């Protein structure tokens, strides 16, 4: 899939654990893992908004397009 989710990169930059992010965003660690491993078929805008809020970033920092 040409859309890449860079949540792990943002976690490293923010020195935050996956569990902490999942808790603050309000999603399960399993669903966060699906995002991190690029296995997600979709993401809700509300989830993307909360990820950006918690990680203090923009959607383009999390999502990337690669041909």
N, C-alpha and C. Protein backbone atom coordinates (compact mmCIF):
# COMPACT_ATOMS: atom_id res chain seq x y z
N UNK A 1 0.86 -1.18 0.00
CA UNK A 1 0.00 0.00 0.00
C UNK A 1 0.90 1.24 0.00
N UNK A 2 0.58 2.21 -0.83
CA UNK A 2 1.45 3.40 -0.94
C UNK A 2 1.33 4.41 0.21
N UNK A 3 0.36 4.25 1.10
CA UNK A 3 0.25 5.14 2.26
C UNK A 3 1.01 4.52 3.42
N UNK A 4 1.98 5.25 3.94
CA UNK A 4 2.80 4.77 5.05
C UNK A 4 2.44 5.54 6.31
N UNK A 5 2.26 4.83 7.42
CA UNK A 5 1.95 5.45 8.70
C UNK A 5 3.23 5.49 9.54
N UNK A 6 3.67 6.69 9.87
CA UNK A 6 4.93 6.89 10.59
C UNK A 6 4.73 7.17 12.08
N UNK A 7 3.81 6.46 12.70
CA UNK A 7 3.56 6.68 14.13
C UNK A 7 4.79 6.33 14.95
N UNK A 8 5.50 5.27 14.56
CA UNK A 8 6.68 4.86 15.32
C UNK A 8 7.77 5.93 15.29
N UNK A 9 7.90 6.63 14.16
CA UNK A 9 8.88 7.71 14.05
C UNK A 9 8.52 8.85 15.00
N UNK A 10 7.24 9.20 15.03
CA UNK A 10 6.79 10.28 15.91
C UNK A 10 6.92 9.88 17.38
N UNK A 11 6.66 8.62 17.68
CA UNK A 11 6.84 8.15 19.07
C UNK A 11 8.29 8.30 19.50
N UNK A 12 9.21 7.93 18.64
CA UNK A 12 10.63 8.05 18.97
C UNK A 12 11.02 9.51 19.16
N UNK A 13 10.53 10.39 18.29
CA UNK A 13 10.84 11.82 18.41
C UNK A 13 10.30 12.41 19.70
N UNK A 14 9.15 11.92 20.14
CA UNK A 14 8.52 12.44 21.36
C UNK A 14 8.91 11.66 22.61
N UNK A 15 9.73 10.62 22.42
CA UNK A 15 10.17 9.76 23.53
C UNK A 15 8.97 9.26 24.35
N UNK A 16 8.00 8.69 23.63
CA UNK A 16 6.76 8.22 24.24
C UNK A 16 6.60 6.74 23.91
N UNK A 17 6.03 5.99 24.82
CA UNK A 17 5.79 4.57 24.57
C UNK A 17 4.48 4.38 23.81
N UNK A 18 4.36 3.24 23.17
CA UNK A 18 3.13 2.92 22.45
C UNK A 18 1.95 2.84 23.40
N UNK A 19 2.16 2.26 24.55
CA UNK A 19 1.09 2.14 25.54
C UNK A 19 0.60 3.49 26.01
N UNK A 20 1.53 4.40 26.24
CA UNK A 20 1.17 5.74 26.68
C UNK A 20 0.36 6.46 25.59
N UNK A 21 0.81 6.33 24.34
CA UNK A 21 0.09 6.97 23.24
C UNK A 21 -1.31 6.39 23.09
N UNK A 22 -1.43 5.08 23.13
CA UNK A 22 -2.73 4.43 23.01
C UNK A 22 -3.69 4.93 24.09
N UNK A 23 -3.19 5.02 25.31
CA UNK A 23 -4.03 5.49 26.42
C UNK A 23 -4.48 6.93 26.21
N UNK A 24 -3.55 7.81 25.81
CA UNK A 24 -3.88 9.22 25.63
C UNK A 24 -4.81 9.45 24.45
N UNK A 25 -4.69 8.62 23.41
CA UNK A 25 -5.53 8.77 22.22
C UNK A 25 -6.89 8.11 22.43
N UNK A 26 -6.91 7.08 23.26
CA UNK A 26 -8.17 6.39 23.52
C UNK A 26 -8.42 5.23 22.56
N UNK A 27 -7.34 4.59 22.11
CA UNK A 27 -7.47 3.40 21.28
C UNK A 27 -6.73 2.26 21.97
N UNK A 28 -7.03 1.05 21.54
CA UNK A 28 -6.38 -0.10 22.15
C UNK A 28 -4.94 -0.22 21.64
N UNK A 29 -4.07 -0.80 22.45
CA UNK A 29 -2.70 -1.03 21.97
C UNK A 29 -2.67 -1.90 20.71
N UNK A 30 -3.62 -2.82 20.58
CA UNK A 30 -3.70 -3.67 19.39
C UNK A 30 -3.99 -2.83 18.14
N UNK A 31 -4.93 -1.89 18.25
CA UNK A 31 -5.25 -1.03 17.10
C UNK A 31 -4.09 -0.10 16.77
N UNK A 32 -3.38 0.37 17.77
CA UNK A 32 -2.20 1.20 17.52
C UNK A 32 -1.13 0.38 16.81
N UNK A 33 -0.98 -0.87 17.20
CA UNK A 33 -0.02 -1.76 16.55
C UNK A 33 -0.37 -1.97 15.08
N UNK A 34 -1.64 -2.10 14.78
CA UNK A 34 -2.10 -2.24 13.38
C UNK A 34 -1.71 -1.01 12.58
N UNK A 35 -1.86 0.17 13.18
CA UNK A 35 -1.45 1.41 12.51
C UNK A 35 0.06 1.42 12.30
N UNK A 36 0.81 1.10 13.34
CA UNK A 36 2.27 1.16 13.28
C UNK A 36 2.86 0.21 12.25
N UNK A 37 2.22 -0.93 12.04
CA UNK A 37 2.74 -1.93 11.11
C UNK A 37 2.16 -1.78 9.70
N UNK A 38 1.46 -0.68 9.46
CA UNK A 38 0.89 -0.37 8.14
C UNK A 38 -0.10 -1.43 7.66
N UNK A 39 -0.80 -2.07 8.60
CA UNK A 39 -1.80 -3.06 8.24
C UNK A 39 -3.22 -2.49 8.27
N UNK A 40 -3.35 -1.23 8.66
CA UNK A 40 -4.68 -0.61 8.74
C UNK A 40 -5.21 -0.33 7.34
N UNK A 41 -6.48 -0.57 7.15
CA UNK A 41 -7.14 -0.29 5.88
C UNK A 41 -7.72 1.12 5.87
N UNK A 42 -7.94 1.69 7.06
CA UNK A 42 -8.54 3.02 7.18
C UNK A 42 -8.20 3.60 8.55
N UNK A 43 -8.37 4.90 8.67
CA UNK A 43 -8.21 5.57 9.96
C UNK A 43 -9.28 6.65 10.05
N UNK A 44 -9.92 6.73 11.17
CA UNK A 44 -10.94 7.77 11.37
C UNK A 44 -10.26 9.12 11.54
N UNK A 45 -10.89 10.14 11.00
CA UNK A 45 -10.34 11.48 11.16
C UNK A 45 -10.26 11.87 12.63
N UNK A 46 -11.19 11.40 13.44
CA UNK A 46 -11.15 11.73 14.87
C UNK A 46 -9.92 11.09 15.53
N UNK A 47 -9.56 9.89 15.09
CA UNK A 47 -8.36 9.24 15.62
C UNK A 47 -7.11 9.96 15.14
N UNK A 48 -7.08 10.32 13.87
CA UNK A 48 -5.94 11.06 13.32
C UNK A 48 -5.78 12.40 14.03
N UNK A 49 -6.90 13.06 14.29
CA UNK A 49 -6.87 14.35 14.99
C UNK A 49 -6.30 14.19 16.39
N UNK A 50 -6.72 13.15 17.10
CA UNK A 50 -6.24 12.92 18.46
C UNK A 50 -4.76 12.55 18.46
N UNK A 51 -4.32 11.73 17.48
CA UNK A 51 -2.91 11.40 17.35
C UNK A 51 -2.08 12.68 17.17
N UNK A 52 -2.55 13.56 16.29
CA UNK A 52 -1.83 14.82 16.05
C UNK A 52 -1.81 15.69 17.30
N UNK A 53 -2.91 15.71 18.02
CA UNK A 53 -2.99 16.51 19.25
C UNK A 53 -1.98 16.00 20.28
N UNK A 54 -1.98 14.69 20.51
CA UNK A 54 -1.11 14.10 21.53
C UNK A 54 0.36 14.19 21.13
N UNK A 55 0.65 13.96 19.84
CA UNK A 55 2.03 13.98 19.37
C UNK A 55 2.50 15.37 18.96
N UNK A 56 1.60 16.35 19.04
CA UNK A 56 1.91 17.73 18.68
C UNK A 56 2.53 17.80 17.27
N UNK A 57 1.76 17.30 16.29
CA UNK A 57 2.24 17.27 14.92
C UNK A 57 1.08 17.50 13.96
N UNK A 58 1.37 17.43 12.68
CA UNK A 58 0.37 17.56 11.63
C UNK A 58 0.15 16.20 10.98
N UNK A 59 -1.00 16.00 10.31
CA UNK A 59 -1.24 14.70 9.66
C UNK A 59 -0.12 14.28 8.71
N UNK A 60 0.50 15.23 8.04
CA UNK A 60 1.60 14.92 7.13
C UNK A 60 2.83 14.39 7.83
N UNK A 61 2.94 14.62 9.13
CA UNK A 61 4.05 14.06 9.90
C UNK A 61 3.83 12.58 10.19
N UNK A 62 2.56 12.17 10.17
CA UNK A 62 2.20 10.78 10.47
C UNK A 62 2.00 9.97 9.21
N UNK A 63 1.36 10.57 8.21
CA UNK A 63 1.05 9.86 6.98
C UNK A 63 1.97 10.30 5.84
N UNK A 64 2.39 9.32 5.06
CA UNK A 64 3.26 9.60 3.92
C UNK A 64 2.77 8.79 2.73
N UNK A 65 3.02 9.30 1.53
CA UNK A 65 2.64 8.61 0.30
C UNK A 65 3.91 8.25 -0.46
N UNK A 66 4.05 6.95 -0.74
CA UNK A 66 5.21 6.46 -1.49
C UNK A 66 4.72 5.62 -2.65
N UNK A 67 5.16 5.96 -3.86
CA UNK A 67 4.73 5.20 -5.04
C UNK A 67 5.35 3.82 -5.06
